[in-house]
Each structure stands twice: as C-alpha cells, then as structure tokens.
Amino acid sequence: MRNLADTVTFAHGPAMSNRFMLAPLTNMQSHPDGTLSDEEHHWLTMRAGGGFGLTMTCAAHVQRVGQGFPGQLGTFSDDHVSGLARLARDIVARDSVAIVQLHHAGNRSPKDLIGTDPVCPSDDPTTGARALSTAEVEQLSEDFVAAAVRCRDAGFHGIELHGAHGYMICQFLSAETNRRTDAYGGPLVNRSRLLLDVIDGIRARCGDDFQIGVRLSPERFGMVIDESRELFGWLVDGGKVDMIDMSLWDCFAHAKDESWADRRLIDVFAELPRGKVRLAVAGKLYGGPDITRAIDAGADIVALGRAAILHHDFPRLVAADPNVMMRPLPVTADELRAEGLSDGFVGYMRSWPGFVAD
C-alpha cells in the first residue's frame, strides 16, 4: 500500500520526505530585474515550512528575452545568485527539496515586456516572433545549462526544465510551431534535440548529486500523446532525468486524442516503464481523496497548485484528515494574504475566474 507520507528517493540528489510537491506557480512577486523579492521568498519558504516535501519556484527565465510575465524570477545573470542562495538556504532549512524551474517563454514573451521581438523555433506571424538561427539555438542551450549551474552554485538541489504549456522547449517539441529544416526540426528526435542537449549539458556540468526534472504536456499546445509517450521513454532510457512532471490539467480526465479517448490521462503515462524516474502529476488535485486516487493510479508525486495557494500547509492538513478538501472558492483577499500572498500576487489571482471574492 503506497502512502502519501512515503519517502520518495531519486537517482540523483536528496529524497523527498513525502509525496507532496509545490507546483511551479506564476506569482509576479519578484523585482523587474529578475532578482528575488522578500515577498516571493516568504511565499515559497512558507510552503516549505508547511510540509511540502519538494518546493519548486515559479518558472524562472534563462534569457532576458525569454521573460514571460512581469515580476518573474530570473536565472540569466550572476546578479540573481545571491537571492537564489538565500532562498535555497531557507527552503532546505525547512526540510524540503529545493528546485528551480527553468523557463523561456519563446513566442509567448510579450514584446512590450522584453523590449524587442520575441523569438521562436520558426517565424510566427501571429505573435510577431522570429525564428532563431542555429547558432542562437546553440546559445539558448548553453544559457539553460548556465542557469542550472547558477542554481547549483546557489545551493538548490536541482532544476526542472519547463517543456510544457506552449513555451520555448514545448515550441521546439511541437511540429506545429517547429518547422525548422536544420538539426532541430523535422522528426521528433530532432525536435527533441534542444531538450536532450540541455539535459546532457546539465548532467555533465552539475554532477551526479544534482536533480533534473522535466515538465511535459501530454497533448494540447501542439503536442500529441504518441509523441509525448515516445519522448517519455527516451527520457527514462537516457538515465539522466530524475522526475517527469506531467501537467495533465485534470488527472482523471480522458484524453482528447481520439486514439486514446477511452483512457484517463494519468493512466496513459503511469503505465509506462520508468525505472528510477519518478512520475509527478498535476491537475485538479483539490483534496485528500483526489491525491490518494492519483497515487493509487501509479503517480509517485502530486504537484499541487490551487490547494497550495489556499493552504500553505496542505500536506499537513491531508495527513491529519485524508478526506480534507481545499477551502471553497471564491476566497477573500485577506484570506490569501494570511496564506503568504503579497498584494501583487493577490492581484494576479484576481485574473483567475471565480478565485478571489470582490
């Protein structure tokens, strides 16, 4: 019988004290230059102290031109390291595995935010993004690796590569957004080259004690399930990745792909051989019963978003009452402030329909 309080070990780096992971959540709390703010530090360390076995930052951009939203944490400069070191120290002090999610928004970088045209695997007239040259793709790969080295030097246990939700790595993986004719385009093996090169570089330069995770979308955003499963297998067989974090939107929904429509998304991936790689899942896990269902379905780790926003100590609430549910929506701004959200974060949550009461 698998228990939510089980220790989760990895091929590289320290174990989680339980199966609960703070999902990487946009919060718009860092400074305009990407340095860590006191507000973001408080939000994250409050979750680490609330019982999450793994605490992950928001998506942190690896190039200035890759910024996706205001107040985003940065990893593209050595100027970011001191704030990252403070954050890593204080997450680790609360007995939580400390992970930074590395990110580049690609064609989803707002021009008025980055001050130039966004970049993408291929020209994209819809967003005004231009295609990267081959040399620029190689530099992008290096910048992901350099960002991981900064995170390691700051004291983090590892990183997660954001390969989901239609951001840059996902744009390379998708045949819809990647129409390149060089070594980074065409068949899936070429479209995966950027991701696999980054993984190789991080493992070579950050060592065997450093954890590497990858977040993937199973479908949507130009992804198709058959290719997502094939890539999943390559990541497992490569032996360099510790966690595959599947962003399912709804863990128990059936696939939209007609050839998989009779299957729940969680089952489509939990059934795949994964050796020592741990499977994390996210998607509408709003209470103890949902979380237990996900673990019983074969997931190793549950990544919590909404429940973690609403309760900094949700793992402890579930431990005390396996049937507990997150508080009903909408909630007041004062309730969110009490859970460690700054006024800026509360303002962002107002953009989520029905989340914050007027």
Protein backbone atom coordinates (compact mmCIF):
# COMPACT_ATOMS: atom_id res chain seq x y z
CA MET A 1 0.00 0.00 0.00
CA ARG A 2 1.55 3.31 -1.12
CA ASN A 3 1.24 6.10 1.43
CA LEU A 4 1.25 9.87 0.97
CA ALA A 5 3.83 10.10 3.75
CA ASP A 6 6.26 7.76 1.96
CA THR A 7 9.78 8.99 1.33
CA VAL A 8 10.46 9.47 -2.39
CA THR A 9 14.03 8.73 -3.47
CA PHE A 10 15.72 9.81 -6.71
CA ALA A 11 18.63 8.54 -8.75
CA HIS A 12 20.40 11.85 -8.08
CA GLY A 13 20.20 14.17 -5.10
CA PRO A 14 18.24 14.00 -1.83
CA ALA A 15 14.95 12.26 -1.17
CA MET A 16 11.60 13.95 -0.56
CA SER A 17 10.19 13.43 2.92
CA ASN A 18 6.71 12.84 1.45
CA ARG A 19 4.90 12.77 -1.92
CA PHE A 20 3.77 16.42 -1.90
CA MET A 21 5.34 18.91 -4.32
CA LEU A 22 4.62 22.61 -4.64
CA ALA A 23 3.81 23.10 -8.32
CA PRO A 24 5.72 25.85 -10.16
CA LEU A 25 3.29 28.75 -9.88
CA THR A 26 3.38 32.14 -11.56
CA ASN A 27 3.14 34.77 -8.82
CA MET A 28 4.58 38.03 -10.25
CA GLN A 29 6.33 38.88 -6.99
CA SER A 30 9.99 39.26 -7.98
CA HIS A 31 11.74 42.50 -8.92
CA PRO A 32 11.71 43.83 -12.52
CA ASP A 33 15.35 42.76 -13.00
CA GLY A 34 14.52 39.16 -12.00
CA THR A 35 16.11 39.30 -8.55
CA LEU A 36 14.25 37.64 -5.70
CA SER A 37 11.91 39.77 -3.59
CA ASP A 38 11.13 39.35 0.10
CA GLU A 39 7.52 38.63 -0.92
CA GLU A 40 8.46 35.70 -3.15
CA HIS A 41 10.89 34.39 -0.55
CA HIS A 42 8.12 34.47 2.06
CA TRP A 43 5.59 32.73 -0.21
CA LEU A 44 7.94 29.87 -1.06
CA THR A 45 9.50 29.31 2.36
CA MET A 46 6.05 29.32 3.93
CA ARG A 47 5.16 26.30 1.73
CA ALA A 48 8.44 24.58 2.52
CA GLY A 49 7.67 25.06 6.21
CA GLY A 50 4.10 23.89 5.62
CA GLY A 51 5.15 20.33 4.89
CA PHE A 52 5.81 20.16 1.14
CA GLY A 53 8.47 17.54 0.51
CA LEU A 54 9.62 19.46 -2.57
CA THR A 55 9.30 23.21 -3.07
CA MET A 56 9.60 24.47 -6.64
CA THR A 57 9.92 28.07 -7.71
CA CYS A 58 7.86 29.72 -10.41
CA ALA A 59 9.14 29.47 -13.97
CA ALA A 60 12.47 31.36 -13.91
CA HIS A 61 13.69 32.70 -17.26
CA VAL A 62 17.14 31.78 -18.54
CA GLN A 63 17.43 34.67 -21.02
CA ARG A 64 16.26 38.25 -20.62
CA VAL A 65 14.39 37.92 -23.93
CA GLY A 66 12.65 34.81 -22.57
CA GLN A 67 10.65 36.61 -19.87
CA GLY A 68 7.01 35.59 -19.94
CA PHE A 69 5.35 37.78 -17.32
CA PRO A 70 6.06 40.79 -15.09
CA GLY A 71 7.73 40.11 -11.76
CA GLN A 72 9.28 36.87 -13.00
CA LEU A 73 12.20 35.32 -11.15
CA GLY A 74 15.38 35.30 -13.23
CA THR A 75 18.32 32.93 -13.59
CA PHE A 76 20.04 34.55 -16.58
CA SER A 77 22.59 36.64 -14.65
CA ASP A 78 25.06 36.17 -11.85
CA ASP A 79 23.24 39.08 -10.21
CA HIS A 80 20.46 36.62 -9.38
CA VAL A 81 22.64 34.19 -7.44
CA SER A 82 22.64 35.91 -4.04
CA GLY A 83 18.84 35.97 -3.86
CA LEU A 84 18.65 32.40 -5.09
CA ALA A 85 21.17 31.35 -2.44
CA ARG A 86 19.10 32.93 0.32
CA LEU A 87 16.00 31.15 -0.98
CA ALA A 88 17.72 27.77 -1.33
CA ARG A 89 19.17 28.01 2.19
CA ASP A 90 15.80 28.74 3.74
CA ILE A 91 13.89 26.08 1.80
CA VAL A 92 16.48 23.45 2.73
CA ALA A 93 16.37 24.59 6.37
CA ARG A 94 12.68 23.64 6.37
CA ASP A 95 13.44 20.05 5.26
CA SER A 96 12.15 20.49 1.70
CA VAL A 97 13.91 19.61 -1.54
CA ALA A 98 14.70 22.92 -3.28
CA ILE A 99 14.12 23.09 -7.06
CA VAL A 100 14.12 25.94 -9.58
CA GLN A 101 12.00 25.62 -12.72
CA LEU A 102 13.95 26.89 -15.74
CA HIS A 103 11.94 28.53 -18.47
CA HIS A 104 11.94 30.53 -21.70
CA ALA A 105 8.62 31.85 -22.97
CA GLY A 106 9.60 31.86 -26.65
CA ASN A 107 6.87 33.38 -28.80
CA ARG A 108 4.84 33.98 -25.64
CA SER A 109 7.24 36.68 -24.42
CA PRO A 110 5.34 40.00 -24.63
CA LYS A 111 7.20 42.47 -26.85
CA ASP A 112 6.36 45.38 -24.57
CA LEU A 113 7.91 43.49 -21.65
CA ILE A 114 11.16 42.33 -23.28
CA GLY A 115 11.64 45.41 -25.49
CA THR A 116 12.22 43.50 -28.71
CA ASP A 117 10.58 40.94 -30.96
CA PRO A 118 10.14 37.55 -29.27
CA VAL A 119 11.94 34.51 -30.64
CA CYS A 120 10.67 31.08 -31.58
CA PRO A 121 11.80 27.91 -33.37
CA SER A 122 10.20 29.19 -36.60
CA ASP A 123 8.82 32.52 -37.76
CA ASP A 124 5.40 33.09 -36.21
CA PRO A 125 3.37 35.89 -37.84
CA THR A 126 0.62 35.53 -35.21
CA THR A 127 2.87 36.67 -32.36
CA GLY A 128 5.49 38.52 -34.39
CA ALA A 129 8.17 36.12 -33.20
CA ARG A 130 11.16 35.49 -35.42
CA ALA A 131 12.95 32.20 -35.92
CA LEU A 132 16.17 31.55 -34.03
CA SER A 133 19.28 30.89 -36.07
CA THR A 134 21.09 27.61 -35.50
CA ALA A 135 23.78 29.49 -33.57
CA GLU A 136 21.10 31.12 -31.41
CA VAL A 137 19.58 27.72 -30.61
CA GLU A 138 23.01 26.53 -29.53
CA GLN A 139 23.35 29.64 -27.34
CA LEU A 140 19.90 29.01 -25.87
CA SER A 141 21.00 25.51 -24.92
CA GLU A 142 24.10 26.93 -23.25
CA ASP A 143 22.02 29.52 -21.39
CA PHE A 144 19.74 26.83 -19.95
CA VAL A 145 22.82 24.94 -18.75
CA ALA A 146 24.45 28.09 -17.34
CA ALA A 147 21.25 28.89 -15.44
CA ALA A 148 21.28 25.40 -13.92
CA VAL A 149 24.89 25.91 -12.84
CA ARG A 150 23.87 29.16 -11.11
CA CYS A 151 21.10 27.31 -9.29
CA ARG A 152 23.52 24.59 -8.19
CA ASP A 153 26.03 27.18 -7.01
CA ALA A 154 23.24 28.90 -5.07
CA GLY A 155 22.56 25.68 -3.16
CA PHE A 156 19.49 24.30 -4.92
CA HIS A 157 19.14 20.54 -5.11
CA GLY A 158 18.14 20.63 -8.76
CA ILE A 159 16.10 22.16 -11.55
CA GLU A 160 13.06 21.35 -13.65
CA LEU A 161 13.02 22.19 -17.36
CA HIS A 162 9.69 23.71 -18.40
CA GLY A 163 8.85 21.73 -21.53
CA ALA A 164 5.09 22.23 -21.29
CA HIS A 165 2.32 24.76 -21.90
CA GLY A 166 3.50 26.02 -25.27
CA TYR A 167 6.69 27.71 -24.01
CA MET A 168 10.03 27.54 -25.82
CA ILE A 169 11.04 23.92 -25.21
CA CYS A 170 7.48 22.83 -25.98
CA GLN A 171 7.56 25.00 -29.11
CA PHE A 172 10.58 23.01 -30.29
CA LEU A 173 8.88 19.71 -29.45
CA SER A 174 5.72 20.61 -31.38
CA ALA A 175 5.54 20.01 -35.12
CA GLU A 176 3.04 22.88 -35.29
CA THR A 177 5.45 25.56 -34.06
CA ASN A 178 8.72 23.91 -35.13
CA ARG A 179 9.02 23.90 -38.91
CA ARG A 180 12.81 24.07 -38.98
CA THR A 181 14.89 22.24 -41.56
CA ASP A 182 18.15 22.06 -39.59
CA ALA A 183 19.16 19.55 -36.91
CA TYR A 184 16.50 20.96 -34.55
CA GLY A 185 13.49 20.37 -36.81
CA GLY A 186 11.69 17.62 -38.67
CA PRO A 187 11.25 14.24 -36.94
CA LEU A 188 10.63 14.07 -33.20
CA VAL A 189 14.23 13.10 -32.48
CA ASN A 190 15.36 16.42 -34.00
CA ARG A 191 12.60 18.45 -32.35
CA SER A 192 13.70 16.94 -29.02
CA ARG A 193 17.35 17.81 -29.61
CA LEU A 194 17.29 21.10 -27.68
CA LEU A 195 15.76 19.45 -24.60
CA LEU A 196 18.08 16.44 -24.71
CA ASP A 197 21.18 18.58 -25.28
CA VAL A 198 20.26 20.75 -22.29
CA ILE A 199 19.81 17.66 -20.11
CA ASP A 200 23.19 16.30 -21.22
CA GLY A 201 24.86 19.63 -20.51
CA ILE A 202 23.34 20.00 -17.06
CA ARG A 203 24.23 16.48 -16.03
CA ALA A 204 27.81 16.92 -17.25
CA ARG A 205 28.37 20.28 -15.54
CA CYS A 206 26.25 19.98 -12.39
CA GLY A 207 27.30 16.50 -11.33
CA ASP A 208 25.67 13.33 -10.10
CA ASP A 209 24.13 14.85 -6.94
CA PHE A 210 22.03 17.36 -8.88
CA GLN A 211 18.42 16.56 -9.72
CA ILE A 212 16.95 17.14 -13.17
CA GLY A 213 13.21 17.16 -13.82
CA VAL A 214 11.25 17.80 -17.00
CA ARG A 215 7.70 19.15 -17.19
CA LEU A 216 5.69 17.98 -20.22
CA SER A 217 2.23 18.49 -21.63
CA PRO A 218 0.69 15.21 -22.84
CA GLU A 219 -1.44 16.88 -25.51
CA ARG A 220 -2.58 20.40 -26.47
CA PHE A 221 -0.02 23.09 -27.29
CA GLY A 222 0.85 21.15 -30.45
CA MET A 223 1.74 18.02 -28.51
CA VAL A 224 0.30 14.62 -29.37
CA ILE A 225 0.11 11.69 -26.97
CA ASP A 226 2.04 9.18 -29.07
CA GLU A 227 4.99 11.57 -29.32
CA SER A 228 4.76 12.52 -25.64
CA ARG A 229 4.93 8.83 -24.71
CA GLU A 230 7.89 8.29 -27.01
CA LEU A 231 9.74 11.24 -25.50
CA PHE A 232 8.88 9.97 -22.00
CA GLY A 233 10.61 6.70 -22.91
CA TRP A 234 13.70 8.47 -24.22
CA LEU A 235 13.99 10.46 -21.00
CA VAL A 236 13.75 7.28 -18.94
CA ASP A 237 16.21 5.35 -21.10
CA GLY A 238 18.72 8.21 -21.03
CA GLY A 239 19.25 7.72 -17.29
CA LYS A 240 19.93 11.42 -16.65
CA VAL A 241 16.48 12.62 -15.55
CA ASP A 242 15.07 12.11 -12.06
CA MET A 243 11.47 13.24 -12.47
CA ILE A 244 8.96 13.66 -15.29
CA ASP A 245 6.27 16.12 -14.26
CA MET A 246 3.15 15.64 -16.37
CA SER A 247 0.90 18.70 -16.44
CA LEU A 248 -2.43 16.99 -17.07
CA TRP A 249 -4.85 19.88 -16.27
CA ASP A 250 -7.22 17.19 -14.96
CA CYS A 251 -5.51 13.98 -13.83
CA PHE A 252 -8.64 11.88 -14.24
CA ALA A 253 -9.98 13.32 -17.50
CA HIS A 254 -9.89 11.17 -20.59
CA ALA A 255 -7.53 12.07 -23.39
CA LYS A 256 -8.81 14.33 -26.15
CA ASP A 257 -6.82 12.39 -28.75
CA GLU A 258 -9.34 10.05 -30.41
CA SER A 259 -6.95 7.10 -30.38
CA TRP A 260 -6.59 7.43 -26.60
CA ALA A 261 -10.04 8.77 -25.73
CA ASP A 262 -11.02 5.67 -23.75
CA ARG A 263 -8.12 6.19 -21.32
CA ARG A 264 -7.57 8.57 -18.42
CA LEU A 265 -4.54 10.79 -18.99
CA ILE A 266 -2.90 9.67 -15.76
CA ASP A 267 -3.13 6.02 -16.83
CA VAL A 268 -1.63 6.74 -20.26
CA PHE A 269 1.64 7.74 -18.58
CA ALA A 270 1.61 5.86 -15.28
CA GLU A 271 1.61 2.58 -17.21
CA LEU A 272 4.90 3.35 -18.97
CA PRO A 273 8.11 1.77 -17.67
CA ARG A 274 10.10 4.42 -15.81
CA GLY A 275 12.83 2.65 -13.86
CA LYS A 276 14.22 5.05 -11.25
CA VAL A 277 12.50 8.09 -12.78
CA ARG A 278 9.67 9.46 -10.62
CA LEU A 279 6.34 10.47 -12.11
CA ALA A 280 4.75 13.67 -10.83
CA VAL A 281 1.23 14.66 -11.89
CA ALA A 282 -0.73 17.89 -11.68
CA GLY A 283 -4.34 18.64 -12.49
CA LYS A 284 -7.38 19.29 -10.29
CA LEU A 285 -5.99 17.67 -7.16
CA TYR A 286 -8.15 19.60 -4.74
CA GLY A 287 -8.31 17.35 -1.70
CA GLY A 288 -7.10 14.25 0.08
CA PRO A 289 -9.33 11.85 -1.89
CA ASP A 290 -8.10 13.23 -5.25
CA ILE A 291 -4.49 12.99 -4.15
CA THR A 292 -4.93 9.42 -2.94
CA ARG A 293 -6.53 8.47 -6.27
CA ALA A 294 -3.54 9.86 -8.14
CA ILE A 295 -1.06 7.90 -6.03
CA ASP A 296 -3.18 4.76 -6.30
CA ALA A 297 -3.17 5.23 -10.10
CA GLY A 298 0.61 4.99 -10.08
CA ALA A 299 1.95 8.53 -9.66
CA ASP A 300 4.91 8.92 -7.34
CA ILE A 301 4.44 12.61 -6.57
CA VAL A 302 1.49 15.01 -6.56
CA ALA A 303 2.10 18.61 -7.68
CA LEU A 304 -0.35 20.97 -6.02
CA GLY A 305 -1.28 24.42 -7.29
CA ARG A 306 -4.62 25.82 -6.16
CA ALA A 307 -4.66 23.83 -2.93
CA ALA A 308 -1.15 25.09 -2.15
CA ILE A 309 -2.16 28.70 -2.80
CA LEU A 310 -5.14 28.37 -0.49
CA HIS A 311 -3.32 26.43 2.26
CA HIS A 312 0.40 26.82 2.87
CA ASP A 313 0.29 23.64 4.99
CA PHE A 314 -1.97 21.45 2.84
CA PRO A 315 0.25 18.34 3.22
CA ARG A 316 -0.22 18.55 6.99
CA LEU A 317 -3.97 19.04 6.61
CA VAL A 318 -4.16 15.87 4.49
CA ALA A 319 -2.03 13.96 6.98
CA ALA A 320 -4.44 14.94 9.75
CA ASP A 321 -7.57 14.22 7.69
CA PRO A 322 -7.30 12.17 4.47
CA ASN A 323 -10.72 13.45 3.38
CA VAL A 324 -9.91 17.16 3.72
CA MET A 325 -10.71 19.40 0.75
CA MET A 326 -9.29 22.80 -0.07
CA ARG A 327 -11.45 25.72 1.04
CA PRO A 328 -14.27 26.59 -1.35
CA LEU A 329 -13.89 29.40 -3.85
CA PRO A 330 -14.06 32.32 -4.02
CA VAL A 331 -11.90 33.42 -1.11
CA THR A 332 -11.22 36.88 0.20
CA ALA A 333 -8.04 38.83 -0.40
CA ASP A 334 -7.40 38.80 3.34
CA GLU A 335 -7.56 35.00 3.39
CA LEU A 336 -4.90 34.89 0.67
CA ARG A 337 -2.72 37.42 2.46
CA ALA A 338 -2.91 35.22 5.56
CA GLU A 339 -1.56 32.38 3.42
CA GLY A 340 1.50 34.38 2.43
CA LEU A 341 0.42 36.03 -0.83
CA SER A 342 1.51 39.62 -1.40
CA ASP A 343 -0.87 42.25 -2.75
CA GLY A 344 0.72 41.77 -6.18
CA PHE A 345 0.10 38.03 -6.08
CA VAL A 346 -3.46 38.59 -4.90
CA GLY A 347 -3.92 40.95 -7.84
CA TYR A 348 -2.74 38.25 -10.22
CA MET A 349 -5.12 35.73 -8.66
CA ARG A 350 -7.98 38.10 -9.45
CA SER A 351 -7.39 37.21 -13.11
CA TRP A 352 -8.38 33.62 -12.32
CA PRO A 353 -12.17 33.49 -12.78
CA GLY A 354 -14.04 32.94 -9.53
CA PHE A 355 -10.93 32.73 -7.34
CA VAL A 356 -10.99 35.99 -5.37
CA ALA A 357 -14.19 37.48 -3.96
CA ASP A 358 -14.88 41.11 -4.81
